[in-house]
């Protein structure tokens, strides 16, 4: 189960308060399983359905670890929503989580590039 808290009007960045609508605060510290990403996808779908906005923020400030499988599935979900003109922004991630997401993203791009059928 993924623990999240939907904040309708604001999120916290340390001592500063930043007003932001449509923010989902991820409460879990460890995001390991693809099932967690699938649960998050369902929540995002519901949030986009009830919201008139086309952008949602995921606050990862409490997340200290993500697995490769979670990161891979999260990136798939982000791509899927982007194709439908719905945008998801990840905010508040630790440097380690940000670096790891970028590593997984680059690996996915490299694999896609290498597996393209060339005519």
N, C-alpha and C. Protein backbone atom coordinates (compact mmCIF):
# COMPACT_ATOMS: atom_id res chain seq x y z
N UNK A 1 0.85 -1.17 0.00
CA UNK A 1 0.00 0.00 0.00
C UNK A 1 0.89 1.24 0.00
N UNK A 2 0.52 2.21 -0.76
CA UNK A 2 1.27 3.46 -0.79
C UNK A 2 0.50 4.47 0.05
N UNK A 3 1.21 5.15 0.91
CA UNK A 3 0.57 6.12 1.77
C UNK A 3 0.75 7.50 1.17
N UNK A 4 -0.36 8.17 0.96
CA UNK A 4 -0.28 9.52 0.41
C UNK A 4 -1.23 10.44 1.15
N UNK A 5 -0.97 11.68 1.02
CA UNK A 5 -1.84 12.69 1.60
C UNK A 5 -2.06 13.73 0.52
N UNK A 6 -3.30 13.99 0.21
CA UNK A 6 -3.60 14.99 -0.80
C UNK A 6 -3.77 16.34 -0.11
N UNK A 7 -2.97 17.27 -0.53
CA UNK A 7 -3.02 18.62 0.01
C UNK A 7 -3.67 19.50 -1.04
N UNK A 8 -4.78 20.08 -0.70
CA UNK A 8 -5.51 20.83 -1.72
C UNK A 8 -4.91 22.21 -1.98
N UNK A 9 -4.28 22.81 -1.01
CA UNK A 9 -3.84 24.18 -1.22
C UNK A 9 -2.34 24.44 -1.06
N UNK A 10 -1.63 23.59 -0.32
CA UNK A 10 -0.23 23.93 -0.11
C UNK A 10 0.61 22.71 0.22
N UNK A 11 1.91 22.90 0.07
CA UNK A 11 2.87 21.91 0.52
C UNK A 11 3.96 22.65 1.29
N UNK A 12 4.72 21.92 2.07
CA UNK A 12 5.78 22.54 2.85
C UNK A 12 7.14 22.19 2.28
N UNK A 13 8.01 23.17 2.17
CA UNK A 13 9.41 22.97 1.81
C UNK A 13 10.23 23.45 3.00
N UNK A 14 10.47 22.57 3.93
CA UNK A 14 11.22 22.97 5.11
C UNK A 14 10.48 24.07 5.84
N UNK A 15 11.10 25.23 5.96
CA UNK A 15 10.51 26.35 6.68
C UNK A 15 9.59 27.19 5.78
N UNK A 16 9.73 27.04 4.48
CA UNK A 16 8.94 27.85 3.55
C UNK A 16 7.64 27.15 3.20
N UNK A 17 6.61 27.92 3.00
CA UNK A 17 5.34 27.38 2.53
C UNK A 17 5.16 27.84 1.09
N UNK A 18 4.80 26.91 0.25
CA UNK A 18 4.60 27.21 -1.16
C UNK A 18 3.16 26.86 -1.52
N UNK A 19 2.42 27.83 -1.98
CA UNK A 19 1.04 27.55 -2.38
C UNK A 19 1.03 26.80 -3.70
N UNK A 20 0.36 25.67 -3.71
CA UNK A 20 0.31 24.86 -4.91
C UNK A 20 -0.93 23.99 -4.85
N UNK A 21 -1.73 24.06 -5.88
CA UNK A 21 -2.90 23.21 -5.94
C UNK A 21 -2.52 21.85 -6.48
N UNK A 22 -3.38 20.89 -6.24
CA UNK A 22 -3.24 19.56 -6.82
C UNK A 22 -1.93 18.88 -6.47
N UNK A 23 -1.61 18.86 -5.20
CA UNK A 23 -0.39 18.20 -4.75
C UNK A 23 -0.74 16.92 -4.02
N UNK A 24 -0.03 15.87 -4.35
CA UNK A 24 -0.17 14.59 -3.66
C UNK A 24 1.13 14.36 -2.92
N UNK A 25 1.03 14.27 -1.61
CA UNK A 25 2.22 14.08 -0.77
C UNK A 25 2.40 12.59 -0.52
N UNK A 26 3.50 12.04 -0.97
CA UNK A 26 3.80 10.62 -0.77
C UNK A 26 4.32 10.45 0.65
N UNK A 27 3.64 9.63 1.44
CA UNK A 27 4.01 9.44 2.84
C UNK A 27 4.99 8.28 3.05
N UNK A 28 5.00 7.32 2.13
CA UNK A 28 5.89 6.18 2.29
C UNK A 28 7.35 6.58 2.12
N UNK A 29 8.21 6.04 2.95
CA UNK A 29 9.64 6.35 2.86
C UNK A 29 10.34 5.46 1.85
N UNK A 30 9.79 4.26 1.65
CA UNK A 30 10.39 3.29 0.74
C UNK A 30 9.37 2.91 -0.33
N UNK A 31 9.69 3.16 -1.57
CA UNK A 31 8.82 2.80 -2.69
C UNK A 31 9.53 1.70 -3.46
N UNK A 32 9.02 0.49 -3.34
CA UNK A 32 9.76 -0.67 -3.82
C UNK A 32 9.05 -1.40 -4.95
N UNK A 33 7.76 -1.57 -4.84
CA UNK A 33 7.03 -2.48 -5.73
C UNK A 33 6.28 -1.76 -6.84
N UNK A 34 6.15 -2.45 -7.97
CA UNK A 34 5.36 -1.93 -9.08
C UNK A 34 3.91 -1.72 -8.66
N UNK A 35 3.42 -2.57 -7.76
CA UNK A 35 2.04 -2.42 -7.27
C UNK A 35 1.83 -1.06 -6.62
N UNK A 36 2.86 -0.55 -5.96
CA UNK A 36 2.75 0.78 -5.37
C UNK A 36 2.58 1.83 -6.46
N UNK A 37 3.30 1.67 -7.54
CA UNK A 37 3.17 2.61 -8.66
C UNK A 37 1.78 2.50 -9.29
N UNK A 38 1.26 1.27 -9.41
CA UNK A 38 -0.09 1.08 -9.96
C UNK A 38 -1.13 1.76 -9.06
N UNK A 39 -0.96 1.64 -7.74
CA UNK A 39 -1.88 2.31 -6.81
C UNK A 39 -1.81 3.82 -6.99
N UNK A 40 -0.60 4.32 -7.15
CA UNK A 40 -0.43 5.75 -7.37
C UNK A 40 -1.09 6.18 -8.68
N UNK A 41 -0.99 5.36 -9.70
CA UNK A 41 -1.62 5.67 -10.99
C UNK A 41 -3.13 5.81 -10.83
N UNK A 42 -3.74 4.90 -10.08
CA UNK A 42 -5.19 4.97 -9.86
C UNK A 42 -5.57 6.26 -9.14
N UNK A 43 -4.76 6.65 -8.17
CA UNK A 43 -5.01 7.89 -7.44
C UNK A 43 -4.88 9.09 -8.37
N UNK A 44 -3.85 9.06 -9.21
CA UNK A 44 -3.65 10.15 -10.17
C UNK A 44 -4.81 10.25 -11.15
N UNK A 45 -5.29 9.11 -11.63
CA UNK A 45 -6.43 9.11 -12.55
C UNK A 45 -7.65 9.75 -11.91
N UNK A 46 -7.92 9.39 -10.65
CA UNK A 46 -9.06 9.97 -9.94
C UNK A 46 -8.87 11.47 -9.74
N UNK A 47 -7.65 11.85 -9.37
CA UNK A 47 -7.36 13.26 -9.11
C UNK A 47 -7.53 14.09 -10.39
N UNK A 48 -7.03 13.59 -11.51
CA UNK A 48 -7.20 14.30 -12.78
C UNK A 48 -8.67 14.38 -13.17
N UNK A 49 -9.42 13.33 -12.86
CA UNK A 49 -10.84 13.30 -13.23
C UNK A 49 -11.63 14.37 -12.49
N UNK A 50 -11.34 14.57 -11.20
CA UNK A 50 -12.10 15.54 -10.42
C UNK A 50 -11.53 16.95 -10.52
N UNK A 51 -10.32 17.06 -11.02
CA UNK A 51 -9.65 18.35 -11.11
C UNK A 51 -9.83 18.94 -12.51
N UNK A 52 -9.87 20.23 -12.57
CA UNK A 52 -9.92 20.88 -13.88
C UNK A 52 -8.52 21.23 -14.37
N UNK A 53 -7.54 20.96 -13.56
CA UNK A 53 -6.15 21.24 -13.92
C UNK A 53 -5.60 20.10 -14.78
N UNK A 54 -4.54 20.40 -15.51
CA UNK A 54 -3.89 19.34 -16.29
C UNK A 54 -2.50 19.03 -15.73
N UNK A 55 -2.25 19.46 -14.49
CA UNK A 55 -0.95 19.24 -13.88
C UNK A 55 -1.14 18.88 -12.40
N UNK A 56 -0.45 17.84 -11.98
CA UNK A 56 -0.47 17.41 -10.58
C UNK A 56 0.97 17.30 -10.11
N UNK A 57 1.18 17.67 -8.86
CA UNK A 57 2.52 17.58 -8.26
C UNK A 57 2.58 16.40 -7.31
N UNK A 58 3.65 15.63 -7.41
CA UNK A 58 3.92 14.55 -6.46
C UNK A 58 5.04 15.02 -5.55
N UNK A 59 4.75 15.12 -4.27
CA UNK A 59 5.75 15.56 -3.30
C UNK A 59 6.46 14.33 -2.73
N UNK A 60 7.70 14.15 -3.11
CA UNK A 60 8.52 13.01 -2.69
C UNK A 60 9.43 13.37 -1.51
N UNK A 61 9.15 14.43 -0.77
CA UNK A 61 10.07 14.89 0.26
C UNK A 61 10.29 13.88 1.39
N UNK A 62 9.36 12.97 1.62
CA UNK A 62 9.55 11.96 2.67
C UNK A 62 10.15 10.66 2.14
N UNK A 63 10.28 10.54 0.83
CA UNK A 63 10.78 9.31 0.22
C UNK A 63 12.31 9.30 0.30
N UNK A 64 12.86 8.21 0.86
CA UNK A 64 14.32 8.11 0.95
C UNK A 64 14.88 7.01 0.06
N UNK A 65 14.01 6.13 -0.46
CA UNK A 65 14.49 5.06 -1.34
C UNK A 65 13.40 4.68 -2.33
N UNK A 66 13.81 4.51 -3.59
CA UNK A 66 12.92 3.92 -4.59
C UNK A 66 13.68 2.80 -5.29
N UNK A 67 12.99 1.73 -5.58
CA UNK A 67 13.62 0.62 -6.29
C UNK A 67 13.61 0.90 -7.78
N UNK A 68 14.39 0.12 -8.50
CA UNK A 68 14.43 0.27 -9.95
C UNK A 68 13.07 -0.08 -10.56
N UNK A 69 12.41 -1.09 -10.03
CA UNK A 69 11.12 -1.49 -10.60
C UNK A 69 10.06 -0.41 -10.35
N UNK A 70 10.06 0.21 -9.17
CA UNK A 70 9.12 1.29 -8.91
C UNK A 70 9.42 2.47 -9.84
N UNK A 71 10.70 2.84 -9.94
CA UNK A 71 11.09 3.97 -10.78
C UNK A 71 10.71 3.72 -12.24
N UNK A 72 10.95 2.51 -12.72
CA UNK A 72 10.61 2.15 -14.09
C UNK A 72 9.11 2.30 -14.34
N UNK A 73 8.32 1.78 -13.43
CA UNK A 73 6.86 1.86 -13.60
C UNK A 73 6.38 3.30 -13.46
N UNK A 74 6.95 4.06 -12.55
CA UNK A 74 6.58 5.46 -12.39
C UNK A 74 6.86 6.24 -13.68
N UNK A 75 8.01 6.00 -14.29
CA UNK A 75 8.33 6.67 -15.55
C UNK A 75 7.37 6.27 -16.67
N UNK A 76 6.96 5.00 -16.68
CA UNK A 76 5.94 4.56 -17.66
C UNK A 76 4.63 5.32 -17.46
N UNK A 77 4.24 5.47 -16.21
CA UNK A 77 3.01 6.18 -15.87
C UNK A 77 3.10 7.65 -16.28
N UNK A 78 4.23 8.28 -15.98
CA UNK A 78 4.42 9.68 -16.36
C UNK A 78 4.30 9.85 -17.87
N UNK A 79 4.91 8.94 -18.62
CA UNK A 79 4.84 9.00 -20.08
C UNK A 79 3.41 8.84 -20.58
N UNK A 80 2.70 7.91 -19.98
CA UNK A 80 1.31 7.66 -20.39
C UNK A 80 0.44 8.89 -20.17
N UNK A 81 0.58 9.52 -19.00
CA UNK A 81 -0.21 10.72 -18.73
C UNK A 81 0.20 11.86 -19.65
N UNK A 82 1.49 12.00 -19.93
CA UNK A 82 1.97 13.07 -20.80
C UNK A 82 1.38 12.94 -22.20
N UNK A 83 1.27 11.71 -22.69
CA UNK A 83 0.67 11.50 -24.01
C UNK A 83 -0.78 11.99 -24.06
N UNK A 84 -1.43 11.97 -22.90
CA UNK A 84 -2.82 12.43 -22.81
C UNK A 84 -2.93 13.88 -22.34
N UNK A 85 -1.81 14.61 -22.44
CA UNK A 85 -1.77 16.03 -22.07
C UNK A 85 -2.08 16.27 -20.59
N UNK A 86 -1.72 15.31 -19.77
CA UNK A 86 -1.81 15.43 -18.31
C UNK A 86 -0.39 15.35 -17.78
N UNK A 87 -0.01 16.31 -16.99
CA UNK A 87 1.39 16.42 -16.58
C UNK A 87 1.55 16.20 -15.08
N UNK A 88 2.58 15.44 -14.74
CA UNK A 88 2.88 15.12 -13.35
C UNK A 88 4.29 15.62 -13.07
N UNK A 89 4.42 16.45 -12.07
CA UNK A 89 5.72 17.00 -11.68
C UNK A 89 6.12 16.40 -10.34
N UNK A 90 7.33 15.91 -10.27
CA UNK A 90 7.85 15.37 -9.02
C UNK A 90 8.64 16.48 -8.34
N UNK A 91 8.28 16.75 -7.10
CA UNK A 91 8.95 17.82 -6.35
C UNK A 91 9.44 17.26 -5.02
N UNK A 92 10.41 17.94 -4.44
CA UNK A 92 10.87 17.63 -3.10
C UNK A 92 11.68 16.36 -2.96
N UNK A 93 12.11 15.76 -4.05
CA UNK A 93 12.85 14.51 -3.92
C UNK A 93 14.26 14.78 -3.41
N UNK A 94 14.80 13.82 -2.68
CA UNK A 94 16.17 13.92 -2.20
C UNK A 94 17.11 13.82 -3.40
N UNK A 95 18.34 14.30 -3.25
CA UNK A 95 19.30 14.16 -4.35
C UNK A 95 19.48 12.71 -4.80
N UNK A 96 19.50 11.78 -3.86
CA UNK A 96 19.69 10.36 -4.21
C UNK A 96 18.52 9.84 -5.05
N UNK A 97 17.30 10.18 -4.67
CA UNK A 97 16.12 9.75 -5.41
C UNK A 97 16.11 10.39 -6.80
N UNK A 98 16.46 11.67 -6.87
CA UNK A 98 16.49 12.37 -8.15
C UNK A 98 17.53 11.74 -9.08
N UNK A 99 18.72 11.46 -8.56
CA UNK A 99 19.77 10.84 -9.36
C UNK A 99 19.32 9.48 -9.86
N UNK A 100 18.71 8.69 -8.97
CA UNK A 100 18.29 7.35 -9.36
C UNK A 100 17.20 7.39 -10.43
N UNK A 101 16.25 8.29 -10.29
CA UNK A 101 15.21 8.44 -11.33
C UNK A 101 15.84 8.80 -12.68
N UNK A 102 16.84 9.67 -12.65
CA UNK A 102 17.52 10.04 -13.90
C UNK A 102 18.30 8.87 -14.49
N UNK A 103 18.92 8.05 -13.64
CA UNK A 103 19.64 6.87 -14.12
C UNK A 103 18.68 5.91 -14.81
N UNK A 104 17.55 5.65 -14.17
CA UNK A 104 16.56 4.74 -14.75
C UNK A 104 16.02 5.32 -16.06
N UNK A 105 15.77 6.62 -16.08
CA UNK A 105 15.27 7.27 -17.30
C UNK A 105 16.27 7.13 -18.44
N UNK A 106 17.54 7.40 -18.17
CA UNK A 106 18.57 7.27 -19.21
C UNK A 106 18.70 5.83 -19.69
N UNK A 107 18.63 4.88 -18.78
CA UNK A 107 18.71 3.47 -19.16
C UNK A 107 17.54 3.09 -20.06
N UNK A 108 16.33 3.53 -19.71
CA UNK A 108 15.15 3.25 -20.53
C UNK A 108 15.31 3.86 -21.93
N UNK A 109 15.79 5.09 -21.98
CA UNK A 109 15.99 5.75 -23.28
C UNK A 109 17.03 5.01 -24.12
N UNK A 110 18.10 4.57 -23.48
CA UNK A 110 19.16 3.83 -24.19
C UNK A 110 18.62 2.52 -24.75
N UNK A 111 17.86 1.80 -23.95
CA UNK A 111 17.29 0.53 -24.39
C UNK A 111 16.32 0.75 -25.55
N UNK A 112 15.47 1.78 -25.43
CA UNK A 112 14.53 2.07 -26.50
C UNK A 112 15.26 2.43 -27.79
N UNK A 113 16.32 3.21 -27.66
CA UNK A 113 17.10 3.61 -28.83
C UNK A 113 17.75 2.41 -29.50
N UNK A 114 18.30 1.50 -28.70
CA UNK A 114 19.00 0.33 -29.23
C UNK A 114 18.06 -0.72 -29.81
N UNK A 115 16.82 -0.72 -29.37
CA UNK A 115 15.89 -1.75 -29.84
C UNK A 115 14.99 -1.27 -30.97
N UNK A 116 15.19 -0.06 -31.42
CA UNK A 116 14.41 0.42 -32.56
C UNK A 116 14.78 -0.37 -33.80
N UNK A 117 13.79 -0.70 -34.57
CA UNK A 117 14.03 -1.42 -35.83
C UNK A 117 14.45 -0.40 -36.87
N UNK A 118 15.63 -0.61 -37.41
CA UNK A 118 16.15 0.33 -38.41
C UNK A 118 15.94 -0.24 -39.80
N UNK A 119 15.37 0.58 -40.66
CA UNK A 119 15.09 0.13 -42.04
C UNK A 119 15.96 0.91 -43.00
